[in-house]
N, C-alpha and C. Protein backbone atom coordinates (compact mmCIF):
# COMPACT_ATOMS: atom_id res chain seq x y z
N UNK A 1 -38.34 -74.39 4.17
CA UNK A 1 -38.68 -74.03 2.81
C UNK A 1 -38.91 -72.51 2.73
N UNK A 2 -38.56 -71.91 1.61
CA UNK A 2 -38.75 -70.47 1.45
C UNK A 2 -40.22 -70.15 1.21
N UNK A 3 -40.57 -68.90 1.46
CA UNK A 3 -41.96 -68.48 1.29
C UNK A 3 -42.36 -68.56 -0.19
N UNK A 4 -43.66 -68.65 -0.42
CA UNK A 4 -44.17 -68.64 -1.79
C UNK A 4 -43.77 -67.33 -2.47
N UNK A 5 -43.82 -66.23 -1.75
CA UNK A 5 -43.40 -64.94 -2.32
C UNK A 5 -41.96 -65.01 -2.81
N UNK A 6 -41.06 -65.54 -1.99
CA UNK A 6 -39.66 -65.68 -2.41
C UNK A 6 -39.56 -66.56 -3.65
N UNK A 7 -40.31 -67.64 -3.67
CA UNK A 7 -40.29 -68.53 -4.83
C UNK A 7 -40.81 -67.83 -6.08
N UNK A 8 -41.82 -66.98 -5.94
CA UNK A 8 -42.37 -66.23 -7.08
C UNK A 8 -41.33 -65.25 -7.61
N UNK A 9 -40.70 -64.48 -6.73
CA UNK A 9 -39.70 -63.50 -7.17
C UNK A 9 -38.52 -64.22 -7.84
N UNK A 10 -38.09 -65.32 -7.28
CA UNK A 10 -37.00 -66.09 -7.89
C UNK A 10 -37.42 -66.67 -9.24
N UNK A 11 -38.69 -67.08 -9.35
CA UNK A 11 -39.19 -67.61 -10.62
C UNK A 11 -39.20 -66.52 -11.70
N UNK A 12 -39.53 -65.29 -11.33
CA UNK A 12 -39.46 -64.18 -12.29
C UNK A 12 -38.03 -64.02 -12.78
N UNK A 13 -37.08 -64.01 -11.88
CA UNK A 13 -35.66 -63.91 -12.25
C UNK A 13 -35.27 -65.06 -13.17
N UNK A 14 -35.67 -66.27 -12.84
CA UNK A 14 -35.32 -67.43 -13.64
C UNK A 14 -35.91 -67.35 -15.05
N UNK A 15 -37.16 -66.87 -15.17
CA UNK A 15 -37.75 -66.71 -16.51
C UNK A 15 -36.96 -65.69 -17.31
N UNK A 16 -36.56 -64.59 -16.68
CA UNK A 16 -35.80 -63.56 -17.39
C UNK A 16 -34.43 -64.07 -17.81
N UNK A 17 -33.90 -65.00 -17.06
CA UNK A 17 -32.58 -65.58 -17.40
C UNK A 17 -32.64 -66.43 -18.67
N UNK A 18 -33.83 -66.71 -19.18
CA UNK A 18 -33.95 -67.48 -20.42
C UNK A 18 -33.84 -66.60 -21.66
N UNK A 19 -33.78 -65.29 -21.49
CA UNK A 19 -33.69 -64.38 -22.64
C UNK A 19 -32.37 -64.61 -23.36
N UNK A 20 -32.46 -64.92 -24.64
CA UNK A 20 -31.25 -65.16 -25.43
C UNK A 20 -31.09 -64.18 -26.58
N UNK A 21 -32.04 -63.27 -26.75
CA UNK A 21 -32.02 -62.35 -27.87
C UNK A 21 -31.25 -61.06 -27.60
N UNK A 22 -30.83 -60.84 -26.37
CA UNK A 22 -30.07 -59.64 -26.00
C UNK A 22 -28.66 -60.07 -25.64
N UNK A 23 -27.72 -59.76 -26.50
CA UNK A 23 -26.33 -60.19 -26.31
C UNK A 23 -25.73 -59.59 -25.04
N UNK A 24 -25.10 -60.44 -24.23
CA UNK A 24 -24.41 -59.97 -23.03
C UNK A 24 -25.30 -59.63 -21.85
N UNK A 25 -26.57 -59.98 -21.92
CA UNK A 25 -27.52 -59.62 -20.85
C UNK A 25 -27.19 -60.34 -19.55
N UNK A 26 -27.18 -59.58 -18.46
CA UNK A 26 -27.04 -60.12 -17.11
C UNK A 26 -28.37 -59.89 -16.39
N UNK A 27 -28.83 -60.91 -15.66
CA UNK A 27 -30.06 -60.81 -14.87
C UNK A 27 -29.68 -61.06 -13.42
N UNK A 28 -30.11 -60.18 -12.53
CA UNK A 28 -29.80 -60.35 -11.11
C UNK A 28 -30.96 -59.88 -10.26
N UNK A 29 -30.86 -60.20 -8.97
CA UNK A 29 -31.84 -59.74 -8.00
C UNK A 29 -31.19 -58.72 -7.07
N UNK A 30 -31.93 -57.72 -6.74
CA UNK A 30 -31.59 -56.74 -5.72
C UNK A 30 -30.17 -56.19 -5.90
N UNK A 31 -30.06 -55.11 -6.60
CA UNK A 31 -28.76 -54.45 -6.77
C UNK A 31 -28.84 -53.13 -6.02
N UNK A 32 -27.98 -52.95 -5.02
CA UNK A 32 -27.98 -51.73 -4.23
C UNK A 32 -27.08 -50.66 -4.83
N UNK A 33 -26.09 -51.06 -5.60
CA UNK A 33 -25.17 -50.08 -6.18
C UNK A 33 -25.65 -49.66 -7.57
N UNK A 34 -25.24 -48.48 -8.03
CA UNK A 34 -25.69 -48.00 -9.34
C UNK A 34 -25.23 -48.92 -10.48
N UNK A 35 -26.02 -48.95 -11.53
CA UNK A 35 -25.65 -49.69 -12.73
C UNK A 35 -24.94 -48.71 -13.66
N UNK A 36 -23.72 -49.00 -13.99
CA UNK A 36 -22.92 -48.16 -14.88
C UNK A 36 -23.00 -48.72 -16.30
N UNK A 37 -22.74 -47.91 -17.30
CA UNK A 37 -22.81 -48.41 -18.68
C UNK A 37 -21.98 -49.68 -18.91
N UNK A 38 -20.86 -49.82 -18.22
CA UNK A 38 -20.06 -51.04 -18.38
C UNK A 38 -20.81 -52.29 -17.90
N UNK A 39 -21.84 -52.11 -17.07
CA UNK A 39 -22.62 -53.22 -16.52
C UNK A 39 -23.84 -53.56 -17.38
N UNK A 40 -24.01 -52.91 -18.51
CA UNK A 40 -25.20 -53.05 -19.34
C UNK A 40 -24.92 -53.91 -20.56
N UNK A 41 -25.96 -54.60 -21.06
CA UNK A 41 -27.37 -54.60 -20.67
C UNK A 41 -27.59 -55.43 -19.41
N UNK A 42 -28.60 -55.06 -18.66
CA UNK A 42 -28.85 -55.70 -17.37
C UNK A 42 -30.31 -55.58 -17.00
N UNK A 43 -30.82 -56.63 -16.38
CA UNK A 43 -32.14 -56.62 -15.75
C UNK A 43 -31.95 -56.88 -14.27
N UNK A 44 -32.64 -56.11 -13.45
CA UNK A 44 -32.57 -56.29 -12.00
C UNK A 44 -33.99 -56.49 -11.48
N UNK A 45 -34.22 -57.64 -10.85
CA UNK A 45 -35.52 -57.95 -10.26
C UNK A 45 -35.46 -57.48 -8.81
N UNK A 46 -36.34 -56.57 -8.46
CA UNK A 46 -36.35 -55.98 -7.13
C UNK A 46 -37.51 -56.55 -6.30
N UNK A 47 -37.50 -56.23 -5.03
CA UNK A 47 -38.62 -56.57 -4.15
C UNK A 47 -39.63 -55.43 -4.22
N UNK A 48 -40.88 -55.76 -4.41
CA UNK A 48 -41.92 -54.75 -4.47
C UNK A 48 -42.97 -54.98 -3.40
N UNK A 49 -44.07 -54.34 -3.58
CA UNK A 49 -45.15 -54.45 -2.60
C UNK A 49 -46.02 -55.66 -2.90
N UNK A 50 -46.85 -56.01 -1.93
CA UNK A 50 -47.87 -57.02 -2.16
C UNK A 50 -49.10 -56.62 -1.38
N UNK A 51 -50.24 -57.05 -1.88
CA UNK A 51 -51.52 -56.76 -1.26
C UNK A 51 -52.31 -58.04 -1.12
N UNK A 52 -52.86 -58.28 0.06
CA UNK A 52 -53.75 -59.43 0.21
C UNK A 52 -55.08 -59.03 -0.42
N UNK A 53 -55.54 -59.80 -1.40
CA UNK A 53 -56.77 -59.43 -2.10
C UNK A 53 -57.95 -60.33 -1.77
N UNK A 54 -57.68 -61.46 -1.10
CA UNK A 54 -58.77 -62.34 -0.70
C UNK A 54 -58.26 -63.30 0.38
N UNK A 55 -59.19 -63.77 1.19
CA UNK A 55 -58.86 -64.76 2.20
C UNK A 55 -60.08 -65.63 2.45
N UNK A 56 -59.83 -66.92 2.50
CA UNK A 56 -60.87 -67.91 2.78
C UNK A 56 -60.26 -68.92 3.74
N UNK A 57 -61.07 -69.78 4.35
CA UNK A 57 -60.48 -70.81 5.20
C UNK A 57 -59.48 -71.66 4.40
N UNK A 58 -58.25 -71.71 4.90
CA UNK A 58 -57.20 -72.50 4.27
C UNK A 58 -56.43 -71.79 3.17
N UNK A 59 -56.77 -70.52 2.87
CA UNK A 59 -56.22 -69.88 1.68
C UNK A 59 -56.13 -68.36 1.82
N UNK A 60 -55.01 -67.79 1.40
CA UNK A 60 -54.86 -66.35 1.23
C UNK A 60 -54.43 -66.12 -0.21
N UNK A 61 -54.94 -65.05 -0.82
CA UNK A 61 -54.55 -64.69 -2.18
C UNK A 61 -53.92 -63.30 -2.14
N UNK A 62 -52.74 -63.19 -2.76
CA UNK A 62 -51.98 -61.95 -2.79
C UNK A 62 -51.73 -61.52 -4.22
N UNK A 63 -51.57 -60.21 -4.40
CA UNK A 63 -51.05 -59.67 -5.66
C UNK A 63 -49.74 -58.98 -5.35
N UNK A 64 -48.67 -59.49 -5.93
CA UNK A 64 -47.35 -58.91 -5.75
C UNK A 64 -47.02 -58.03 -6.95
N UNK A 65 -46.49 -56.86 -6.67
CA UNK A 65 -45.97 -55.96 -7.70
C UNK A 65 -44.46 -56.10 -7.68
N UNK A 66 -43.92 -56.70 -8.73
CA UNK A 66 -42.49 -57.00 -8.77
C UNK A 66 -41.82 -56.05 -9.76
N UNK A 67 -41.04 -55.09 -9.26
CA UNK A 67 -40.34 -54.17 -10.17
C UNK A 67 -39.19 -54.86 -10.88
N UNK A 68 -39.11 -54.63 -12.18
CA UNK A 68 -38.00 -55.12 -12.98
C UNK A 68 -37.36 -53.90 -13.63
N UNK A 69 -36.10 -53.69 -13.32
CA UNK A 69 -35.37 -52.55 -13.86
C UNK A 69 -34.51 -53.03 -15.03
N UNK A 70 -34.63 -52.35 -16.15
CA UNK A 70 -33.84 -52.69 -17.33
C UNK A 70 -32.88 -51.57 -17.66
N UNK A 71 -31.66 -51.92 -18.05
CA UNK A 71 -30.62 -50.93 -18.35
C UNK A 71 -29.94 -51.29 -19.66
N UNK A 72 -29.81 -50.30 -20.55
CA UNK A 72 -29.12 -50.51 -21.82
C UNK A 72 -28.21 -49.32 -22.11
N UNK A 73 -27.23 -49.55 -22.96
CA UNK A 73 -26.39 -48.48 -23.48
C UNK A 73 -26.42 -48.59 -24.99
N UNK A 74 -26.00 -47.52 -25.65
CA UNK A 74 -25.96 -47.52 -27.11
C UNK A 74 -24.81 -46.63 -27.56
N UNK A 75 -24.43 -46.78 -28.81
CA UNK A 75 -23.33 -45.98 -29.36
C UNK A 75 -23.75 -44.52 -29.53
N UNK A 76 -25.03 -44.30 -29.80
CA UNK A 76 -25.53 -42.93 -30.01
C UNK A 76 -26.83 -42.73 -29.25
N UNK A 77 -27.18 -41.48 -29.01
CA UNK A 77 -28.46 -41.17 -28.38
C UNK A 77 -29.62 -41.72 -29.19
N UNK A 78 -29.51 -41.62 -30.51
CA UNK A 78 -30.59 -42.08 -31.38
C UNK A 78 -30.86 -43.56 -31.31
N UNK A 79 -29.88 -44.34 -30.89
CA UNK A 79 -30.06 -45.79 -30.81
C UNK A 79 -30.60 -46.25 -29.45
N UNK A 80 -30.72 -45.33 -28.50
CA UNK A 80 -31.16 -45.72 -27.15
C UNK A 80 -32.57 -46.29 -27.13
N UNK A 81 -33.49 -45.64 -27.81
CA UNK A 81 -34.87 -46.12 -27.80
C UNK A 81 -34.99 -47.53 -28.37
N UNK A 82 -34.28 -47.78 -29.44
CA UNK A 82 -34.31 -49.11 -30.05
C UNK A 82 -33.77 -50.16 -29.09
N UNK A 83 -32.64 -49.85 -28.44
CA UNK A 83 -32.03 -50.80 -27.50
C UNK A 83 -32.94 -51.03 -26.29
N UNK A 84 -33.51 -49.96 -25.74
CA UNK A 84 -34.38 -50.09 -24.57
C UNK A 84 -35.64 -50.87 -24.92
N UNK A 85 -36.22 -50.57 -26.07
CA UNK A 85 -37.45 -51.27 -26.46
C UNK A 85 -37.19 -52.73 -26.79
N UNK A 86 -36.01 -53.06 -27.30
CA UNK A 86 -35.67 -54.46 -27.55
C UNK A 86 -35.58 -55.23 -26.23
N UNK A 87 -34.95 -54.62 -25.22
CA UNK A 87 -34.85 -55.29 -23.91
C UNK A 87 -36.22 -55.39 -23.25
N UNK A 88 -37.01 -54.33 -23.35
CA UNK A 88 -38.37 -54.35 -22.80
C UNK A 88 -39.19 -55.47 -23.45
N UNK A 89 -39.15 -55.55 -24.78
CA UNK A 89 -39.93 -56.56 -25.49
C UNK A 89 -39.48 -57.97 -25.12
N UNK A 90 -38.17 -58.18 -25.00
CA UNK A 90 -37.66 -59.50 -24.62
C UNK A 90 -38.09 -59.85 -23.19
N UNK A 91 -38.12 -58.86 -22.32
CA UNK A 91 -38.52 -59.07 -20.93
C UNK A 91 -39.98 -59.52 -20.86
N UNK A 92 -40.85 -58.77 -21.51
CA UNK A 92 -42.28 -59.11 -21.50
C UNK A 92 -42.52 -60.46 -22.17
N UNK A 93 -41.86 -60.70 -23.30
CA UNK A 93 -42.04 -61.98 -24.00
C UNK A 93 -41.61 -63.16 -23.13
N UNK A 94 -40.51 -63.03 -22.41
CA UNK A 94 -40.04 -64.12 -21.55
C UNK A 94 -41.05 -64.42 -20.44
N UNK A 95 -41.62 -63.38 -19.86
CA UNK A 95 -42.57 -63.59 -18.76
C UNK A 95 -43.93 -64.05 -19.27
N UNK A 96 -44.35 -63.55 -20.43
CA UNK A 96 -45.63 -63.96 -21.00
C UNK A 96 -45.59 -65.39 -21.55
N UNK A 97 -44.40 -65.89 -21.85
CA UNK A 97 -44.26 -67.22 -22.44
C UNK A 97 -44.72 -68.32 -21.49
N UNK A 98 -44.69 -68.06 -20.20
CA UNK A 98 -45.15 -69.04 -19.22
C UNK A 98 -45.81 -68.30 -18.07
N UNK A 99 -47.12 -68.16 -18.15
CA UNK A 99 -47.88 -67.40 -17.14
C UNK A 99 -47.82 -68.03 -15.75
N UNK A 100 -47.34 -69.27 -15.66
CA UNK A 100 -47.20 -69.91 -14.35
C UNK A 100 -45.80 -69.72 -13.78
N UNK A 101 -44.91 -69.07 -14.54
CA UNK A 101 -43.51 -68.88 -14.14
C UNK A 101 -42.84 -70.22 -13.83
N UNK A 102 -43.26 -71.26 -14.55
CA UNK A 102 -42.73 -72.62 -14.38
C UNK A 102 -42.97 -73.16 -12.97
N UNK A 103 -44.02 -72.65 -12.31
CA UNK A 103 -44.35 -73.10 -10.95
C UNK A 103 -45.62 -73.94 -10.94
N UNK A 104 -46.23 -74.20 -12.09
CA UNK A 104 -47.49 -74.92 -12.14
C UNK A 104 -48.66 -73.98 -11.95
N UNK A 105 -49.83 -74.45 -12.27
CA UNK A 105 -51.04 -73.64 -12.14
C UNK A 105 -51.89 -74.14 -10.99
N UNK A 106 -52.65 -73.23 -10.40
CA UNK A 106 -53.55 -73.62 -9.32
C UNK A 106 -54.57 -74.62 -9.83
N UNK A 107 -55.10 -74.41 -11.03
CA UNK A 107 -56.13 -75.29 -11.56
C UNK A 107 -55.56 -76.39 -12.44
N UNK A 108 -54.25 -76.38 -12.66
CA UNK A 108 -53.64 -77.36 -13.53
C UNK A 108 -53.01 -78.50 -12.74
N UNK A 109 -52.20 -79.25 -13.42
CA UNK A 109 -51.52 -80.36 -12.76
C UNK A 109 -50.06 -80.35 -13.22
N UNK A 110 -49.07 -80.29 -12.35
CA UNK A 110 -49.23 -80.24 -10.90
C UNK A 110 -49.67 -78.85 -10.44
N UNK A 111 -50.43 -78.81 -9.37
CA UNK A 111 -50.92 -77.54 -8.85
C UNK A 111 -49.76 -76.69 -8.37
N UNK A 112 -49.87 -75.40 -8.55
CA UNK A 112 -48.85 -74.46 -8.11
C UNK A 112 -49.51 -73.22 -7.55
N UNK A 113 -48.73 -72.26 -7.11
CA UNK A 113 -49.29 -71.10 -6.44
C UNK A 113 -49.78 -69.99 -7.35
N UNK A 114 -49.39 -69.97 -8.62
CA UNK A 114 -49.69 -68.85 -9.50
C UNK A 114 -51.14 -68.91 -9.99
N UNK A 115 -51.84 -67.80 -9.80
CA UNK A 115 -53.20 -67.68 -10.32
C UNK A 115 -53.16 -66.90 -11.64
N UNK A 116 -52.54 -65.74 -11.64
CA UNK A 116 -52.34 -64.96 -12.86
C UNK A 116 -51.04 -64.18 -12.76
N UNK A 117 -50.50 -63.81 -13.89
CA UNK A 117 -49.43 -62.82 -13.91
C UNK A 117 -49.55 -62.03 -15.20
N UNK A 118 -49.27 -60.73 -15.09
CA UNK A 118 -49.46 -59.84 -16.22
C UNK A 118 -48.58 -58.61 -16.08
N UNK A 119 -48.45 -57.91 -17.17
CA UNK A 119 -47.65 -56.69 -17.22
C UNK A 119 -48.40 -55.55 -16.56
N UNK A 120 -47.69 -54.75 -15.78
CA UNK A 120 -48.24 -53.54 -15.19
C UNK A 120 -47.65 -52.32 -15.89
N UNK A 121 -47.43 -51.27 -15.14
CA UNK A 121 -46.90 -50.02 -15.69
C UNK A 121 -45.42 -50.15 -16.06
N UNK A 122 -44.99 -49.26 -16.96
CA UNK A 122 -43.59 -49.21 -17.34
C UNK A 122 -43.22 -47.76 -17.64
N UNK A 123 -42.07 -47.34 -17.13
CA UNK A 123 -41.56 -45.99 -17.40
C UNK A 123 -40.14 -46.09 -17.92
N UNK A 124 -39.81 -45.23 -18.89
CA UNK A 124 -38.47 -45.18 -19.48
C UNK A 124 -37.82 -43.85 -19.13
N UNK A 125 -36.49 -43.86 -19.00
CA UNK A 125 -35.76 -42.63 -18.68
C UNK A 125 -34.35 -42.71 -19.25
N UNK A 126 -33.95 -41.68 -19.97
CA UNK A 126 -32.59 -41.63 -20.52
C UNK A 126 -31.65 -41.02 -19.49
N UNK A 127 -30.43 -41.51 -19.45
CA UNK A 127 -29.39 -40.99 -18.56
C UNK A 127 -28.61 -39.94 -19.34
N UNK A 128 -28.66 -38.71 -18.87
CA UNK A 128 -27.97 -37.64 -19.59
C UNK A 128 -26.67 -37.21 -18.91
N UNK A 129 -26.13 -38.06 -18.07
CA UNK A 129 -24.88 -37.75 -17.38
C UNK A 129 -23.73 -37.73 -18.38
N UNK A 130 -22.91 -36.71 -18.29
CA UNK A 130 -21.75 -36.60 -19.18
C UNK A 130 -20.67 -37.60 -18.80
N UNK A 131 -19.84 -37.95 -19.77
CA UNK A 131 -18.67 -38.76 -19.48
C UNK A 131 -18.82 -40.23 -19.72
N UNK A 132 -19.96 -40.67 -20.21
CA UNK A 132 -20.09 -42.09 -20.52
C UNK A 132 -21.02 -42.27 -21.73
N UNK A 133 -21.08 -43.48 -22.21
CA UNK A 133 -21.91 -43.80 -23.37
C UNK A 133 -23.38 -43.50 -23.05
N UNK A 134 -24.15 -43.16 -24.08
CA UNK A 134 -25.58 -42.94 -23.85
C UNK A 134 -26.21 -44.18 -23.21
N UNK A 135 -27.06 -43.95 -22.23
CA UNK A 135 -27.69 -45.06 -21.50
C UNK A 135 -29.16 -44.73 -21.25
N UNK A 136 -29.94 -45.79 -21.10
CA UNK A 136 -31.37 -45.63 -20.83
C UNK A 136 -31.80 -46.75 -19.89
N UNK A 137 -32.81 -46.43 -19.09
CA UNK A 137 -33.34 -47.43 -18.15
C UNK A 137 -34.87 -47.46 -18.26
N UNK A 138 -35.44 -48.59 -17.87
CA UNK A 138 -36.88 -48.65 -17.71
C UNK A 138 -37.19 -49.35 -16.41
N UNK A 139 -38.36 -49.03 -15.86
CA UNK A 139 -38.87 -49.69 -14.66
C UNK A 139 -40.23 -50.27 -15.03
N UNK A 140 -40.28 -51.59 -15.09
CA UNK A 140 -41.49 -52.34 -15.44
C UNK A 140 -42.01 -53.01 -14.18
N UNK A 141 -43.31 -52.90 -13.95
CA UNK A 141 -43.93 -53.62 -12.83
C UNK A 141 -44.60 -54.87 -13.39
N UNK A 142 -44.22 -56.03 -12.83
CA UNK A 142 -44.86 -57.29 -13.20
C UNK A 142 -45.79 -57.68 -12.06
N UNK A 143 -47.05 -57.93 -12.37
CA UNK A 143 -48.07 -58.22 -11.36
C UNK A 143 -48.34 -59.72 -11.31
N UNK A 144 -48.14 -60.30 -10.15
CA UNK A 144 -48.33 -61.74 -9.99
C UNK A 144 -49.34 -61.97 -8.87
N UNK A 145 -50.43 -62.66 -9.19
CA UNK A 145 -51.42 -63.04 -8.19
C UNK A 145 -51.15 -64.50 -7.84
N UNK A 146 -50.98 -64.75 -6.55
CA UNK A 146 -50.63 -66.10 -6.11
C UNK A 146 -51.34 -66.41 -4.81
N UNK A 147 -51.35 -67.69 -4.46
CA UNK A 147 -52.01 -68.14 -3.24
C UNK A 147 -51.02 -68.77 -2.28
N UNK A 148 -51.36 -68.68 -1.01
CA UNK A 148 -50.63 -69.39 0.03
C UNK A 148 -51.64 -69.98 1.00
N UNK A 149 -51.15 -70.82 1.86
CA UNK A 149 -51.95 -71.30 2.98
C UNK A 149 -52.30 -70.10 3.85
N UNK A 150 -53.42 -70.18 4.56
CA UNK A 150 -53.78 -69.07 5.45
C UNK A 150 -52.93 -69.01 6.70
N UNK A 151 -52.17 -70.06 6.99
CA UNK A 151 -51.35 -70.08 8.20
C UNK A 151 -49.85 -70.25 7.92
N UNK A 152 -49.48 -70.57 6.69
CA UNK A 152 -48.09 -70.82 6.37
C UNK A 152 -47.73 -70.20 5.02
N UNK A 153 -46.97 -69.09 5.01
CA UNK A 153 -46.64 -68.44 3.74
C UNK A 153 -45.70 -69.24 2.85
N UNK A 154 -45.20 -70.35 3.32
CA UNK A 154 -44.34 -71.20 2.48
C UNK A 154 -45.11 -72.38 1.89
N UNK A 155 -46.41 -72.47 2.16
CA UNK A 155 -47.23 -73.58 1.66
C UNK A 155 -48.33 -73.06 0.76
N UNK A 156 -48.73 -73.86 -0.20
CA UNK A 156 -49.83 -73.52 -1.09
C UNK A 156 -51.14 -73.75 -0.35
N UNK A 157 -52.10 -72.83 -0.55
CA UNK A 157 -53.41 -72.96 0.10
C UNK A 157 -54.21 -74.12 -0.44
N UNK A 158 -55.28 -74.44 0.28
CA UNK A 158 -56.13 -75.56 -0.13
C UNK A 158 -57.45 -75.04 -0.68
């Protein structure tokens, strides 16, 4: 079985794949090559850091910082902000719609690994490279607090 961390990152990608308000949106994990305007709109879920924030017998609690990169293009420079903010809003709305990432809650039924998830920092940047349509990107950090067994990262703690 895959680790709880892997399941959490995949669950973030799966939630983002439910976005239907952005025409032509592609959602993927880990893109090593540059995103060109022809590849937009696009969301890329990356691997980020994690911090162990608590440990008890039978249980470890982690906070994962999951970077989500968003890419849009527009017909004009003036339309970039609107396009980027629409993708940003759809991204946050999709993740906020189910705080358990469809993995169940620790205190709910069926029990799952997610304790909390929330929006972190976000930065926007316009691409001013000549020779292609105006483009803009954002980097959003999604913070997920989850639990695992103290001895098995693929099992839920007790």
